[in-house]
Amino acid sequence: MKWLWYTLSLILVVLILINNPKTDTLRTFSGTNKLFTNSSEASTILEILTWSSASLFLCFTIILRIYTTY
């Protein structure tokens, strides 16, 4: 279960680094890959993914703390 916690923490770091409101990386990302129709949709999806990952990270932290023995 710890490997899932580590993986989730790396994903969260990457999502936070991508989510920079001052840059226009989402527009160029959506333009090159055609994943999103506009940058506001990409920002919304990225924000949802970031908050979900942060919530899961906190839940896994609590669960691992409860089940970890000294």
PDB file of N, CA and C in Angstrom:
ATOM      1  N   MET A   1       0.821  -1.190   0.000  1.00  0.00           N
ATOM      2  CA  MET A   1       0.000   0.000   0.000  1.00  0.00           C
ATOM      3  C   MET A   1       0.869   1.259   0.000  1.00  0.00           C
ATOM      4  N   LYS A   2       2.100   1.111   0.506  1.00  0.00           N
ATOM      5  CA  LYS A   2       2.974   2.279   0.521  1.00  0.00           C
ATOM      6  C   LYS A   2       3.382   2.698  -0.889  1.00  0.00           C
ATOM      7  N   TRP A   3       3.548   1.725  -1.791  1.00  0.00           N
ATOM      8  CA  TRP A   3       3.936   2.078  -3.159  1.00  0.00           C
ATOM      9  C   TRP A   3       2.846   2.902  -3.830  1.00  0.00           C
ATOM     10  N   LEU A   4       1.577   2.641  -3.481  1.00  0.00           N
ATOM     11  CA  LEU A   4       0.476   3.441  -4.014  1.00  0.00           C
ATOM     12  C   LEU A   4       0.531   4.860  -3.455  1.00  0.00           C
ATOM     13  N   TRP A   5       0.891   4.985  -2.191  1.00  0.00           N
ATOM     14  CA  TRP A   5       1.026   6.292  -1.550  1.00  0.00           C
ATOM     15  C   TRP A   5       2.154   7.094  -2.196  1.00  0.00           C
ATOM     16  N   TYR A   6       3.286   6.427  -2.469  1.00  0.00           N
ATOM     17  CA  TYR A   6       4.405   7.096  -3.135  1.00  0.00           C
ATOM     18  C   TYR A   6       4.041   7.531  -4.549  1.00  0.00           C
ATOM     19  N   THR A   7       3.379   6.672  -5.280  1.00  0.00           N
ATOM     20  CA  THR A   7       2.959   6.990  -6.644  1.00  0.00           C
ATOM     21  C   THR A   7       1.991   8.166  -6.653  1.00  0.00           C
ATOM     22  N   LEU A   8       1.047   8.144  -5.738  1.00  0.00           N
ATOM     23  CA  LEU A   8       0.079   9.230  -5.647  1.00  0.00           C
ATOM     24  C   LEU A   8       0.748  10.554  -5.287  1.00  0.00           C
ATOM     25  N   SER A   9       1.761  10.501  -4.448  1.00  0.00           N
ATOM     26  CA  SER A   9       2.465  11.735  -4.098  1.00  0.00           C
ATOM     27  C   SER A   9       3.213  12.309  -5.298  1.00  0.00           C
ATOM     28  N   LEU A  10       3.808  11.451  -6.111  1.00  0.00           N
ATOM     29  CA  LEU A  10       4.489  11.934  -7.322  1.00  0.00           C
ATOM     30  C   LEU A  10       3.503  12.522  -8.328  1.00  0.00           C
ATOM     31  N   ILE A  11       2.365  11.867  -8.485  1.00  0.00           N
ATOM     32  CA  ILE A  11       1.325  12.392  -9.388  1.00  0.00           C
ATOM     33  C   ILE A  11       0.846  13.747  -8.896  1.00  0.00           C
ATOM     34  N   LEU A  12       0.662  13.879  -7.596  1.00  0.00           N
ATOM     35  CA  LEU A  12       0.207  15.145  -7.030  1.00  0.00           C
ATOM     36  C   LEU A  12       1.219  16.258  -7.258  1.00  0.00           C
ATOM     37  N   VAL A  13       2.495  15.960  -7.100  1.00  0.00           N
ATOM     38  CA  VAL A  13       3.536  16.961  -7.340  1.00  0.00           C
ATOM     39  C   VAL A  13       3.520  17.410  -8.799  1.00  0.00           C
ATOM     40  N   VAL A  14       3.397  16.470  -9.714  1.00  0.00           N
ATOM     41  CA  VAL A  14       3.366  16.808 -11.143  1.00  0.00           C
ATOM     42  C   VAL A  14       2.139  17.658 -11.466  1.00  0.00           C
ATOM     43  N   LEU A  15       0.988  17.294 -10.923  1.00  0.00           N
ATOM     44  CA  LEU A  15      -0.231  18.066 -11.183  1.00  0.00           C
ATOM     45  C   LEU A  15      -0.120  19.487 -10.628  1.00  0.00           C
ATOM     46  N   ILE A  16       0.476  19.631  -9.469  1.00  0.00           N
ATOM     47  CA  ILE A  16       0.640  20.968  -8.889  1.00  0.00           C
ATOM     48  C   ILE A  16       1.604  21.800  -9.729  1.00  0.00           C
ATOM     49  N   LEU A  17       2.664  21.182 -10.204  1.00  0.00           N
ATOM     50  CA  LEU A  17       3.617  21.920 -11.036  1.00  0.00           C
ATOM     51  C   LEU A  17       3.029  22.313 -12.390  1.00  0.00           C
ATOM     52  N   ILE A  18       2.178  21.486 -12.938  1.00  0.00           N
ATOM     53  CA  ILE A  18       1.532  21.812 -14.219  1.00  0.00           C
ATOM     54  C   ILE A  18       0.527  22.942 -14.040  1.00  0.00           C
ATOM     55  N   ASN A  19      -0.132  22.971 -12.889  1.00  0.00           N
ATOM     56  CA  ASN A  19      -1.208  23.930 -12.648  1.00  0.00           C
ATOM     57  C   ASN A  19      -0.650  25.283 -12.219  1.00  0.00           C
ATOM     58  N   ASN A  20      -0.005  25.972 -13.141  1.00  0.00           N
ATOM     59  CA  ASN A  20       0.504  27.315 -12.891  1.00  0.00           C
ATOM     60  C   ASN A  20      -0.388  28.309 -13.635  1.00  0.00           C
ATOM     61  N   PRO A  21      -1.130  29.142 -12.918  1.00  0.00           N
ATOM     62  CA  PRO A  21      -2.091  30.029 -13.583  1.00  0.00           C
ATOM     63  C   PRO A  21      -1.450  31.143 -14.417  1.00  0.00           C
ATOM     64  N   LYS A  22      -0.174  31.420 -14.199  1.00  0.00           N
ATOM     65  CA  LYS A  22       0.461  32.514 -14.932  1.00  0.00           C
ATOM     66  C   LYS A  22       0.997  32.089 -16.296  1.00  0.00           C
ATOM     67  N   THR A  23       1.120  30.792 -16.522  1.00  0.00           N
ATOM     68  CA  THR A  23       1.625  30.333 -17.813  1.00  0.00           C
ATOM     69  C   THR A  23       0.477  29.893 -18.700  1.00  0.00           C
ATOM     70  N   ASP A  24       0.806  29.713 -19.948  1.00  0.00           N
ATOM     71  CA  ASP A  24      -0.201  29.303 -20.922  1.00  0.00           C
ATOM     72  C   ASP A  24       0.090  27.891 -21.429  1.00  0.00           C
ATOM     73  N   THR A  25       0.580  27.038 -20.542  1.00  0.00           N
ATOM     74  CA  THR A  25       0.951  25.692 -20.954  1.00  0.00           C
ATOM     75  C   THR A  25      -0.255  24.834 -21.291  1.00  0.00           C
ATOM     76  N   LEU A  26      -1.378  25.074 -20.644  1.00  0.00           N
ATOM     77  CA  LEU A  26      -2.562  24.271 -20.932  1.00  0.00           C
ATOM     78  C   LEU A  26      -3.077  24.529 -22.339  1.00  0.00           C
ATOM     79  N   ARG A  27      -2.978  25.739 -22.797  1.00  0.00           N
ATOM     80  CA  ARG A  27      -3.443  26.048 -24.144  1.00  0.00           C
ATOM     81  C   ARG A  27      -2.547  25.384 -25.189  1.00  0.00           C
ATOM     82  N   THR A  28      -1.253  25.405 -24.973  1.00  0.00           N
ATOM     83  CA  THR A  28      -0.366  24.752 -25.930  1.00  0.00           C
ATOM     84  C   THR A  28      -0.476  23.238 -25.819  1.00  0.00           C
ATOM     85  N   PHE A  29      -0.695  22.716 -24.619  1.00  0.00           N
ATOM     86  CA  PHE A  29      -0.875  21.285 -24.445  1.00  0.00           C
ATOM     87  C   PHE A  29      -2.146  20.812 -25.144  1.00  0.00           C
ATOM     88  N   SER A  30      -3.212  21.573 -24.989  1.00  0.00           N
ATOM     89  CA  SER A  30      -4.469  21.174 -25.623  1.00  0.00           C
ATOM     90  C   SER A  30      -4.402  21.372 -27.133  1.00  0.00           C
ATOM     91  N   GLY A  31      -3.592  22.313 -27.585  1.00  0.00           N
ATOM     92  CA  GLY A  31      -3.484  22.529 -29.018  1.00  0.00           C
ATOM     93  C   GLY A  31      -2.674  21.475 -29.727  1.00  0.00           C
ATOM     94  N   THR A  32      -1.676  20.930 -29.061  1.00  0.00           N
ATOM     95  CA  THR A  32      -0.834  19.934 -29.716  1.00  0.00           C
ATOM     96  C   THR A  32      -1.448  18.546 -29.694  1.00  0.00           C
ATOM     97  N   ASN A  33      -2.136  18.198 -28.628  1.00  0.00           N
ATOM     98  CA  ASN A  33      -2.665  16.848 -28.505  1.00  0.00           C
ATOM     99  C   ASN A  33      -4.156  16.740 -28.805  1.00  0.00           C
ATOM    100  N   LYS A  34      -4.829  17.840 -28.922  1.00  0.00           N
ATOM    101  CA  LYS A  34      -6.264  17.872 -29.184  1.00  0.00           C
ATOM    102  C   LYS A  34      -7.074  17.083 -28.158  1.00  0.00           C
ATOM    103  N   LEU A  35      -6.609  17.112 -26.900  1.00  0.00           N
ATOM    104  CA  LEU A  35      -7.330  16.423 -25.840  1.00  0.00           C
ATOM    105  C   LEU A  35      -8.504  17.251 -25.323  1.00  0.00           C
ATOM    106  N   PHE A  36      -8.313  18.537 -25.260  1.00  0.00           N
ATOM    107  CA  PHE A  36      -9.341  19.421 -24.727  1.00  0.00           C
ATOM    108  C   PHE A  36      -9.761  20.407 -25.805  1.00  0.00           C
ATOM    109  N   THR A  37     -11.024  20.816 -25.747  1.00  0.00           N
ATOM    110  CA  THR A  37     -11.502  21.742 -26.761  1.00  0.00           C
ATOM    111  C   THR A  37     -11.074  23.172 -26.486  1.00  0.00           C
ATOM    112  N   ASN A  38     -10.947  23.548 -25.243  1.00  0.00           N
ATOM    113  CA  ASN A  38     -10.463  24.893 -24.912  1.00  0.00           C
ATOM    114  C   ASN A  38      -9.680  24.853 -23.607  1.00  0.00           C
ATOM    115  N   SER A  39      -9.014  25.930 -23.300  1.00  0.00           N
ATOM    116  CA  SER A  39      -8.142  25.946 -22.120  1.00  0.00           C
ATOM    117  C   SER A  39      -8.929  25.974 -20.812  1.00  0.00           C
ATOM    118  N   SER A  40     -10.142  26.499 -20.819  1.00  0.00           N
ATOM    119  CA  SER A  40     -10.913  26.510 -19.577  1.00  0.00           C
ATOM    120  C   SER A  40     -11.349  25.098 -19.191  1.00  0.00           C
ATOM    121  N   GLU A  41     -11.648  24.275 -20.199  1.00  0.00           N
ATOM    122  CA  GLU A  41     -11.990  22.883 -19.921  1.00  0.00           C
ATOM    123  C   GLU A  41     -10.768  22.141 -19.365  1.00  0.00           C
ATOM    124  N   ALA A  42      -9.620  22.407 -19.926  1.00  0.00           N
ATOM    125  CA  ALA A  42      -8.388  21.778 -19.444  1.00  0.00           C
ATOM    126  C   ALA A  42      -8.084  22.224 -18.019  1.00  0.00           C
ATOM    127  N   SER A  43      -8.282  23.496 -17.723  1.00  0.00           N
ATOM    128  CA  SER A  43      -8.043  24.000 -16.369  1.00  0.00           C
ATOM    129  C   SER A  43      -8.993  23.360 -15.369  1.00  0.00           C
ATOM    130  N   THR A  44     -10.241  23.193 -15.756  1.00  0.00           N
ATOM    131  CA  THR A  44     -11.226  22.582 -14.873  1.00  0.00           C
ATOM    132  C   THR A  44     -10.875  21.129 -14.587  1.00  0.00           C
ATOM    133  N   ILE A  45     -10.516  20.392 -15.620  1.00  0.00           N
ATOM    134  CA  ILE A  45     -10.145  18.985 -15.438  1.00  0.00           C
ATOM    135  C   ILE A  45      -8.890  18.865 -14.588  1.00  0.00           C
ATOM    136  N   LEU A  46      -7.921  19.727 -14.833  1.00  0.00           N
ATOM    137  CA  LEU A  46      -6.685  19.698 -14.059  1.00  0.00           C
ATOM    138  C   LEU A  46      -6.937  20.043 -12.601  1.00  0.00           C
ATOM    139  N   GLU A  47      -7.826  20.985 -12.345  1.00  0.00           N
ATOM    140  CA  GLU A  47      -8.156  21.346 -10.971  1.00  0.00           C
ATOM    141  C   GLU A  47      -8.863  20.205 -10.256  1.00  0.00           C
ATOM    142  N   ILE A  48      -9.777  19.526 -10.940  1.00  0.00           N
ATOM    143  CA  ILE A  48     -10.471  18.382 -10.345  1.00  0.00           C
ATOM    144  C   ILE A  48      -9.486  17.259 -10.035  1.00  0.00           C
ATOM    145  N   LEU A  49      -8.582  16.987 -10.967  1.00  0.00           N
ATOM    146  CA  LEU A  49      -7.574  15.948 -10.743  1.00  0.00           C
ATOM    147  C   LEU A  49      -6.656  16.293  -9.572  1.00  0.00           C
ATOM    148  N   THR A  50      -6.286  17.564  -9.456  1.00  0.00           N
ATOM    149  CA  THR A  50      -5.407  17.986  -8.366  1.00  0.00           C
ATOM    150  C   THR A  50      -6.089  17.829  -7.015  1.00  0.00           C
ATOM    151  N   TRP A  51      -7.327  18.296  -6.905  1.00  0.00           N
ATOM    152  CA  TRP A  51      -8.041  18.180  -5.632  1.00  0.00           C
ATOM    153  C   TRP A  51      -8.331  16.729  -5.279  1.00  0.00           C
ATOM    154  N   SER A  52      -8.655  15.928  -6.274  1.00  0.00           N
ATOM    155  CA  SER A  52      -8.902  14.502  -6.017  1.00  0.00           C
ATOM    156  C   SER A  52      -7.634  13.806  -5.539  1.00  0.00           C
ATOM    157  N   SER A  53      -6.526  14.100  -6.177  1.00  0.00           N
ATOM    158  CA  SER A  53      -5.254  13.496  -5.773  1.00  0.00           C
ATOM    159  C   SER A  53      -4.849  13.940  -4.375  1.00  0.00           C
ATOM    160  N   ALA A  54      -5.066  15.195  -4.062  1.00  0.00           N
ATOM    161  CA  ALA A  54      -4.736  15.690  -2.721  1.00  0.00           C
ATOM    162  C   ALA A  54      -5.607  15.015  -1.664  1.00  0.00           C
ATOM    163  N   SER A  55      -6.870  14.840  -1.962  1.00  0.00           N
ATOM    164  CA  SER A  55      -7.771  14.165  -1.016  1.00  0.00           C
ATOM    165  C   SER A  55      -7.372  12.713  -0.809  1.00  0.00           C
ATOM    166  N   LEU A  56      -7.070  12.012  -1.909  1.00  0.00           N
ATOM    167  CA  LEU A  56      -6.635  10.624  -1.801  1.00  0.00           C
ATOM    168  C   LEU A  56      -5.318  10.508  -1.041  1.00  0.00           C
ATOM    169  N   PHE A  57      -4.414  11.446  -1.279  1.00  0.00           N
ATOM    170  CA  PHE A  57      -3.142  11.440  -0.568  1.00  0.00           C
ATOM    171  C   PHE A  57      -3.354  11.573   0.935  1.00  0.00           C
ATOM    172  N   LEU A  58      -4.217  12.486   1.336  1.00  0.00           N
ATOM    173  CA  LEU A  58      -4.496  12.660   2.765  1.00  0.00           C
ATOM    174  C   LEU A  58      -5.170  11.430   3.363  1.00  0.00           C
ATOM    175  N   CYS A  59      -6.086  10.823   2.616  1.00  0.00           N
ATOM    176  CA  CYS A  59      -6.748   9.610   3.107  1.00  0.00           C
ATOM    177  C   CYS A  59      -5.747   8.473   3.279  1.00  0.00           C
ATOM    178  N   PHE A  60      -4.874   8.282   2.292  1.00  0.00           N
ATOM    179  CA  PHE A  60      -3.865   7.235   2.393  1.00  0.00           C
ATOM    180  C   PHE A  60      -2.888   7.516   3.534  1.00  0.00           C
ATOM    181  N   THR A  61      -2.592   8.773   3.774  1.00  0.00           N
ATOM    182  CA  THR A  61      -1.709   9.117   4.882  1.00  0.00           C
ATOM    183  C   THR A  61      -2.330   8.713   6.209  1.00  0.00           C
ATOM    184  N   ILE A  62      -3.594   8.995   6.385  1.00  0.00           N
ATOM    185  CA  ILE A  62      -4.291   8.638   7.621  1.00  0.00           C
ATOM    186  C   ILE A  62      -4.393   7.118   7.763  1.00  0.00           C
ATOM    187  N   ILE A  63      -4.745   6.438   6.672  1.00  0.00           N
ATOM    188  CA  ILE A  63      -4.880   4.979   6.710  1.00  0.00           C
ATOM    189  C   ILE A  63      -3.544   4.317   7.030  1.00  0.00           C
ATOM    190  N   LEU A  64      -2.484   4.777   6.384  1.00  0.00           N
ATOM    191  CA  LEU A  64      -1.173   4.192   6.646  1.00  0.00           C
ATOM    192  C   LEU A  64      -0.708   4.471   8.069  1.00  0.00           C
ATOM    193  N   ARG A  65      -1.043   5.618   8.589  1.00  0.00           N
ATOM    194  CA  ARG A  65      -0.661   5.939   9.970  1.00  0.00           C
ATOM    195  C   ARG A  65      -1.388   5.047  10.962  1.00  0.00           C
ATOM    196  N   ILE A  66      -2.653   4.761  10.707  1.00  0.00           N
ATOM    197  CA  ILE A  66      -3.428   3.917  11.600  1.00  0.00           C
ATOM    198  C   ILE A  66      -2.915   2.480  11.589  1.00  0.00           C
ATOM    199  N   TYR A  67      -2.600   1.955  10.405  1.00  0.00           N
ATOM    200  CA  TYR A  67      -2.203   0.560  10.286  1.00  0.00           C
ATOM    201  C   TYR A  67      -0.712   0.287  10.445  1.00  0.00           C
ATOM    202  N   THR A  68       0.094   1.333  10.562  1.00  0.00           N
ATOM    203  CA  THR A  68       1.514   1.133  10.740  1.00  0.00           C
ATOM    204  C   THR A  68       1.815   0.883  12.212  1.00  0.00           C
ATOM    205  N   THR A  69       2.524  -0.195  12.460  1.00  0.00           N
ATOM    206  CA  THR A  69       2.924  -0.493  13.832  1.00  0.00           C
ATOM    207  C   THR A  69       4.369  -0.078  14.045  1.00  0.00           C
ATOM    208  N   TYR A  70       4.703   0.188  15.248  1.00  0.00           N
ATOM    209  CA  TYR A  70       6.049   0.645  15.567  1.00  0.00           C
ATOM    210  C   TYR A  70       7.004  -0.493  15.702  1.00  0.00           C
TER     211      TYR A  70
END
